[in-house]
Amino acid sequence: MSVSRKAYLPSHNRGIPVPKEPTSIGGHLRKRRLQLQIHQSEAAARLKVSTVTLSRWECDKVYPTWEHHGRLIEYLEYDPFAVCGLRDPYSNETLGIASLSSATLGQHIRMRRLEMKMTVKKCAQILKVDAKTMHGWEKHRHQPSAGQRKRIIVFLGG
C-alpha cells in the first residue's frame, strides 16, 4: 500500500527546517503555509503583508505587530501567541527567559504600554509627547524631563 507524498509535510523547505511542533510564530506560519501548499507570495497576499514581511516573520527575524495578530490567528485557525507563551509582541522571548539587567524607565514604559496593548503613537498621545520622543525613551536614547516624569509615574500606576 502506498501513501501520497502530499499527505506529508517536507522536513525542510529551501534548507530551513519545517518544525513538527513549532515553538515560534515563524515556525507556525511556515508550517501552515506548507500545509496549505501555497507560495509565500500567496500567503502574504492572504495576510495583507508584503512577501518580504512574511519571510522575515517566518525566519523569526521580525515579530508581527499587534495590528496583524487578528489576521494571523484567522489564517492559522488558532492563536499561536498563546501557544508560544509569548509576552512581548516585539520579541520571541518566552516566559522562562529572565532579564539579567535592571529595567530602565524606558523599559518600564514599554512594558506598561505592551500590557495595555497600545501602540507607541497612542501611548505618546496619552503622555502628551510625540511618537519619536516616546520611542527615544523606550530605546534609552534620552530621558524625560521632570514634568514628563510626573505624567509617566501616573501612567505606570505610581
C-alpha atoms as a PDB file:
ATOM      1  CA  MET A   1       0.000   0.000   0.000  1.00  0.00           C
ATOM      2  CA  SER A   2       1.420   3.377  -0.946  1.00  0.00           C
ATOM      3  CA  VAL A   3       0.634   6.777   0.516  1.00  0.00           C
ATOM      4  CA  SER A   4       0.770  10.001  -1.439  1.00  0.00           C
ATOM      5  CA  ARG A   5       3.710  12.292  -0.622  1.00  0.00           C
ATOM      6  CA  LYS A   6       1.223  15.175  -0.499  1.00  0.00           C
ATOM      7  CA  ALA A   7      -0.056  13.818   2.804  1.00  0.00           C
ATOM      8  CA  TYR A   8       3.257  14.675   4.483  1.00  0.00           C
ATOM      9  CA  LEU A   9       4.965  17.989   5.109  1.00  0.00           C
ATOM     10  CA  PRO A  10       8.567  18.241   3.972  1.00  0.00           C
ATOM     11  CA  SER A  11      11.172  18.201   6.738  1.00  0.00           C
ATOM     12  CA  HIS A  12      12.996  21.149   5.126  1.00  0.00           C
ATOM     13  CA  ASN A  13      11.978  23.911   2.764  1.00  0.00           C
ATOM     14  CA  ARG A  14      14.853  25.642   0.965  1.00  0.00           C
ATOM     15  CA  GLY A  15      17.234  24.399   3.624  1.00  0.00           C
ATOM     16  CA  ILE A  16      15.171  25.731   6.528  1.00  0.00           C
ATOM     17  CA  PRO A  17      13.678  23.063   8.817  1.00  0.00           C
ATOM     18  CA  VAL A  18       9.897  22.813   8.965  1.00  0.00           C
ATOM     19  CA  PRO A  19       9.031  22.264  12.632  1.00  0.00           C
ATOM     20  CA  LYS A  20       6.614  19.468  13.503  1.00  0.00           C
ATOM     21  CA  GLU A  21       5.833  21.209  16.794  1.00  0.00           C
ATOM     22  CA  PRO A  22       6.520  24.934  16.220  1.00  0.00           C
ATOM     23  CA  THR A  23       7.717  26.975  19.190  1.00  0.00           C
ATOM     24  CA  SER A  24       7.849  30.370  17.469  1.00  0.00           C
ATOM     25  CA  ILE A  25       5.424  32.456  15.436  1.00  0.00           C
ATOM     26  CA  GLY A  26       7.635  31.969  12.382  1.00  0.00           C
ATOM     27  CA  GLY A  27       7.510  28.213  12.772  1.00  0.00           C
ATOM     28  CA  HIS A  28       3.709  28.268  12.985  1.00  0.00           C
ATOM     29  CA  LEU A  29       3.470  30.438   9.858  1.00  0.00           C
ATOM     30  CA  ARG A  30       5.901  28.312   7.841  1.00  0.00           C
ATOM     31  CA  LYS A  31       4.164  25.059   8.836  1.00  0.00           C
ATOM     32  CA  ARG A  32       0.704  26.428   7.945  1.00  0.00           C
ATOM     33  CA  ARG A  33       1.852  27.746   4.565  1.00  0.00           C
ATOM     34  CA  LEU A  34       3.339  24.369   3.671  1.00  0.00           C
ATOM     35  CA  GLN A  35       0.183  22.585   4.893  1.00  0.00           C
ATOM     36  CA  LEU A  36      -1.831  24.784   2.517  1.00  0.00           C
ATOM     37  CA  GLN A  37       0.743  24.074  -0.246  1.00  0.00           C
ATOM     38  CA  ILE A  38       0.967  27.733  -1.203  1.00  0.00           C
ATOM     39  CA  HIS A  39       3.875  30.025  -2.022  1.00  0.00           C
ATOM     40  CA  GLN A  40       4.968  32.854   0.256  1.00  0.00           C
ATOM     41  CA  SER A  41       3.516  35.393  -2.165  1.00  0.00           C
ATOM     42  CA  GLU A  42       0.037  33.859  -1.869  1.00  0.00           C
ATOM     43  CA  ALA A  43       0.259  33.568   1.921  1.00  0.00           C
ATOM     44  CA  ALA A  44       1.463  37.182   2.105  1.00  0.00           C
ATOM     45  CA  ALA A  45      -1.496  38.299  -0.020  1.00  0.00           C
ATOM     46  CA  ARG A  46      -3.914  36.461   2.299  1.00  0.00           C
ATOM     47  CA  LEU A  47      -2.299  38.152   5.312  1.00  0.00           C
ATOM     48  CA  LYS A  48      -2.233  41.536   3.524  1.00  0.00           C
ATOM     49  CA  VAL A  49       1.524  41.994   4.018  1.00  0.00           C
ATOM     50  CA  SER A  50       4.495  42.024   1.657  1.00  0.00           C
ATOM     51  CA  THR A  51       6.353  38.847   0.793  1.00  0.00           C
ATOM     52  CA  VAL A  52       9.442  40.293   2.489  1.00  0.00           C
ATOM     53  CA  THR A  53       7.489  40.862   5.712  1.00  0.00           C
ATOM     54  CA  LEU A  54       6.145  37.303   5.701  1.00  0.00           C
ATOM     55  CA  SER A  55       9.634  35.954   5.024  1.00  0.00           C
ATOM     56  CA  ARG A  56      11.026  37.894   7.991  1.00  0.00           C
ATOM     57  CA  TRP A  57       8.212  36.601  10.201  1.00  0.00           C
ATOM     58  CA  GLU A  58       8.785  33.008   9.096  1.00  0.00           C
ATOM     59  CA  CYS A  59      12.519  33.288   9.818  1.00  0.00           C
ATOM     60  CA  ASP A  60      11.757  34.893  13.214  1.00  0.00           C
ATOM     61  CA  LYS A  61      13.759  37.979  12.279  1.00  0.00           C
ATOM     62  CA  VAL A  62      10.793  40.293  12.892  1.00  0.00           C
ATOM     63  CA  TYR A  63       7.802  39.833  15.170  1.00  0.00           C
ATOM     64  CA  PRO A  64       4.302  40.722  13.865  1.00  0.00           C
ATOM     65  CA  THR A  65       2.859  43.889  15.384  1.00  0.00           C
ATOM     66  CA  TRP A  66      -0.468  43.956  17.240  1.00  0.00           C
ATOM     67  CA  GLU A  67      -2.476  45.049  14.211  1.00  0.00           C
ATOM     68  CA  HIS A  68      -1.566  41.810  12.386  1.00  0.00           C
ATOM     69  CA  HIS A  69      -2.436  39.411  15.228  1.00  0.00           C
ATOM     70  CA  GLY A  70      -6.121  39.038  14.261  1.00  0.00           C
ATOM     71  CA  ARG A  71      -5.331  38.129  10.654  1.00  0.00           C
ATOM     72  CA  LEU A  72      -2.616  35.709  11.759  1.00  0.00           C
ATOM     73  CA  ILE A  73      -4.988  33.952  14.160  1.00  0.00           C
ATOM     74  CA  GLU A  74      -7.589  33.697  11.386  1.00  0.00           C
ATOM     75  CA  TYR A  75      -5.004  32.404   8.866  1.00  0.00           C
ATOM     76  CA  LEU A  76      -3.587  29.809  11.272  1.00  0.00           C
ATOM     77  CA  GLU A  77      -7.037  28.918  12.666  1.00  0.00           C
ATOM     78  CA  TYR A  78      -5.713  29.102  16.245  1.00  0.00           C
ATOM     79  CA  ASP A  79      -3.888  31.581  18.489  1.00  0.00           C
ATOM     80  CA  PRO A  80      -0.136  30.974  18.127  1.00  0.00           C
ATOM     81  CA  PHE A  81       0.682  33.742  20.610  1.00  0.00           C
ATOM     82  CA  ALA A  82      -0.904  31.804  23.474  1.00  0.00           C
ATOM     83  CA  VAL A  83       0.608  28.507  22.274  1.00  0.00           C
ATOM     84  CA  CYS A  84       4.123  30.016  22.216  1.00  0.00           C
ATOM     85  CA  GLY A  85       3.649  31.624  25.636  1.00  0.00           C
ATOM     86  CA  LEU A  86       4.868  34.964  24.339  1.00  0.00           C
ATOM     87  CA  ARG A  87       4.523  38.044  26.486  1.00  0.00           C
ATOM     88  CA  ASP A  88       6.216  40.736  24.410  1.00  0.00           C
ATOM     89  CA  PRO A  89       4.753  41.364  20.944  1.00  0.00           C
ATOM     90  CA  TYR A  90       8.107  42.551  19.635  1.00  0.00           C
ATOM     91  CA  SER A  91      10.307  39.606  20.544  1.00  0.00           C
ATOM     92  CA  ASN A  92      10.219  35.839  20.631  1.00  0.00           C
ATOM     93  CA  GLU A  93      11.215  35.769  24.293  1.00  0.00           C
ATOM     94  CA  THR A  94       9.301  33.127  26.208  1.00  0.00           C
ATOM     95  CA  LEU A  95       8.177  33.411  29.813  1.00  0.00           C
ATOM     96  CA  GLY A  96      11.085  31.300  31.051  1.00  0.00           C
ATOM     97  CA  ILE A  97      13.685  33.867  29.996  1.00  0.00           C
ATOM     98  CA  ALA A  98      14.905  36.142  32.791  1.00  0.00           C
ATOM     99  CA  SER A  99      16.288  39.617  32.309  1.00  0.00           C
ATOM    100  CA  LEU A 100      19.847  39.974  33.574  1.00  0.00           C
ATOM    101  CA  SER A 101      19.720  43.753  33.948  1.00  0.00           C
ATOM    102  CA  SER A 102      17.507  46.048  35.967  1.00  0.00           C
ATOM    103  CA  ALA A 103      14.854  47.733  33.840  1.00  0.00           C
ATOM    104  CA  THR A 104      15.297  51.348  32.790  1.00  0.00           C
ATOM    105  CA  LEU A 105      12.474  53.884  32.907  1.00  0.00           C
ATOM    106  CA  GLY A 106      12.045  53.408  29.149  1.00  0.00           C
ATOM    107  CA  GLN A 107      11.698  49.656  29.615  1.00  0.00           C
ATOM    108  CA  HIS A 108       9.073  50.192  32.323  1.00  0.00           C
ATOM    109  CA  ILE A 109       7.147  52.486  29.975  1.00  0.00           C
ATOM    110  CA  ARG A 110       7.366  49.920  27.194  1.00  0.00           C
ATOM    111  CA  MET A 111       6.270  47.039  29.432  1.00  0.00           C
ATOM    112  CA  ARG A 112       3.266  49.040  30.662  1.00  0.00           C
ATOM    113  CA  ARG A 113       2.383  50.099  27.108  1.00  0.00           C
ATOM    114  CA  LEU A 114       2.502  46.480  25.931  1.00  0.00           C
ATOM    115  CA  GLU A 115       0.432  45.316  28.915  1.00  0.00           C
ATOM    116  CA  MET A 116      -2.201  47.827  27.851  1.00  0.00           C
ATOM    117  CA  LYS A 117      -1.848  46.703  24.199  1.00  0.00           C
ATOM    118  CA  MET A 118      -1.093  50.225  22.999  1.00  0.00           C
ATOM    119  CA  THR A 119       0.894  51.395  20.036  1.00  0.00           C
ATOM    120  CA  VAL A 120       3.757  53.838  20.547  1.00  0.00           C
ATOM    121  CA  LYS A 121       1.642  56.531  18.891  1.00  0.00           C
ATOM    122  CA  LYS A 122      -1.344  56.010  21.212  1.00  0.00           C
ATOM    123  CA  CYS A 123       0.841  55.915  24.324  1.00  0.00           C
ATOM    124  CA  ALA A 124       2.652  59.066  23.189  1.00  0.00           C
ATOM    125  CA  GLN A 125      -0.710  60.843  22.866  1.00  0.00           C
ATOM    126  CA  ILE A 126      -1.625  59.856  26.422  1.00  0.00           C
ATOM    127  CA  LEU A 127       1.741  61.089  27.738  1.00  0.00           C
ATOM    128  CA  LYS A 128       1.427  64.274  25.624  1.00  0.00           C
ATOM    129  CA  VAL A 129       4.627  63.776  23.625  1.00  0.00           C
ATOM    130  CA  ASP A 130       5.291  62.813  20.021  1.00  0.00           C
ATOM    131  CA  ALA A 131       5.908  59.210  18.995  1.00  0.00           C
ATOM    132  CA  LYS A 132       9.580  59.900  18.219  1.00  0.00           C
ATOM    133  CA  THR A 133      10.165  61.100  21.803  1.00  0.00           C
ATOM    134  CA  MET A 134       8.336  58.076  23.161  1.00  0.00           C
ATOM    135  CA  HIS A 135      10.475  55.762  21.023  1.00  0.00           C
ATOM    136  CA  GLY A 136      13.622  57.531  22.271  1.00  0.00           C
ATOM    137  CA  TRP A 137      12.628  56.882  25.880  1.00  0.00           C
ATOM    138  CA  GLU A 138      11.948  53.211  25.216  1.00  0.00           C
ATOM    139  CA  LYS A 139      15.295  52.794  23.446  1.00  0.00           C
ATOM    140  CA  HIS A 140      17.056  54.647  26.288  1.00  0.00           C
ATOM    141  CA  ARG A 141      18.361  57.311  23.887  1.00  0.00           C
ATOM    142  CA  HIS A 142      17.204  60.185  26.096  1.00  0.00           C
ATOM    143  CA  GLN A 143      15.404  60.807  29.381  1.00  0.00           C
ATOM    144  CA  PRO A 144      12.089  62.578  30.047  1.00  0.00           C
ATOM    145  CA  SER A 145      12.027  65.992  31.725  1.00  0.00           C
ATOM    146  CA  ALA A 146      10.766  66.443  35.298  1.00  0.00           C
ATOM    147  CA  GLY A 147       7.282  67.425  34.074  1.00  0.00           C
ATOM    148  CA  GLN A 148       7.131  64.453  31.757  1.00  0.00           C
ATOM    149  CA  ARG A 149       8.253  62.138  34.574  1.00  0.00           C
ATOM    150  CA  LYS A 150       5.159  63.093  36.615  1.00  0.00           C
ATOM    151  CA  ARG A 151       2.870  62.006  33.747  1.00  0.00           C
ATOM    152  CA  ILE A 152       4.908  58.824  33.326  1.00  0.00           C
ATOM    153  CA  ILE A 153       4.576  57.935  37.021  1.00  0.00           C
ATOM    154  CA  VAL A 154       0.784  58.286  36.734  1.00  0.00           C
ATOM    155  CA  PHE A 155       0.850  56.192  33.537  1.00  0.00           C
ATOM    156  CA  LEU A 156       2.913  53.485  35.276  1.00  0.00           C
ATOM    157  CA  GLY A 157       0.363  53.369  38.100  1.00  0.00           C
ATOM    158  CA  GLY A 158       2.571  55.024  40.703  1.00  0.00           C
END
